[in-house]
Amino acid sequence: MTIIVSILFYVIPALLIIWFMVSVVSALRHKNKILEAILEEIKKKN
């Protein structure tokens, strides 16, 4: 019983936090690629 409670209160929130951090980093990398592409387009016009 205590193992189930410890899994519910410690492991599952830790997994959710890790998933959230990975998704945020992935979104920031995607945003960075878009900004780099925009910068290249601006450089080409000049």
Protein backbone atom coordinates (compact mmCIF):
# COMPACT_ATOMS: atom_id res chain seq x y z
CA MET A 1 0.00 0.00 0.00
CA THR A 2 2.75 2.48 0.87
CA ILE A 3 4.53 1.68 -2.41
CA ILE A 4 1.41 2.64 -4.37
CA VAL A 5 1.07 5.88 -2.42
CA SER A 6 4.74 6.75 -2.94
CA ILE A 7 4.40 6.09 -6.67
CA LEU A 8 1.34 8.31 -6.87
CA PHE A 9 2.83 11.20 -4.93
CA TYR A 10 6.49 11.12 -6.03
CA VAL A 11 7.06 9.26 -9.29
CA ILE A 12 4.08 10.47 -11.33
CA PRO A 13 4.62 14.20 -10.59
CA ALA A 14 8.34 13.78 -11.30
CA LEU A 15 7.53 12.22 -14.67
CA LEU A 16 5.10 15.05 -15.45
CA ILE A 17 7.73 17.67 -14.59
CA ILE A 18 10.32 15.93 -16.77
CA TRP A 19 7.83 15.68 -19.66
CA PHE A 20 6.96 19.38 -19.28
CA MET A 21 10.64 20.38 -19.29
CA VAL A 22 11.33 18.32 -22.40
CA SER A 23 8.34 19.79 -24.22
CA VAL A 24 9.37 23.35 -23.31
CA VAL A 25 12.93 22.77 -24.53
CA SER A 26 11.60 21.25 -27.74
CA ALA A 27 9.33 24.24 -28.35
CA LEU A 28 12.18 26.68 -27.70
CA ARG A 29 14.44 24.82 -30.15
CA HIS A 30 11.69 24.99 -32.79
CA LYS A 31 11.23 28.70 -32.15
CA ASN A 32 14.99 29.23 -32.42
CA LYS A 33 15.07 27.49 -35.82
CA ILE A 34 12.26 29.72 -37.07
CA LEU A 35 14.07 32.83 -35.87
CA GLU A 36 17.29 31.69 -37.56
CA ALA A 37 15.40 31.18 -40.83
CA ILE A 38 13.93 34.69 -40.57
CA LEU A 39 17.39 36.10 -39.89
CA GLU A 40 18.78 34.36 -42.97
CA GLU A 41 15.97 35.82 -45.11
CA ILE A 42 16.71 39.30 -43.78
CA LYS A 43 20.41 38.85 -44.51
CA LYS A 44 19.65 37.74 -48.08
CA LYS A 45 17.59 40.88 -48.74
CA ASN A 46 20.42 43.13 -47.58
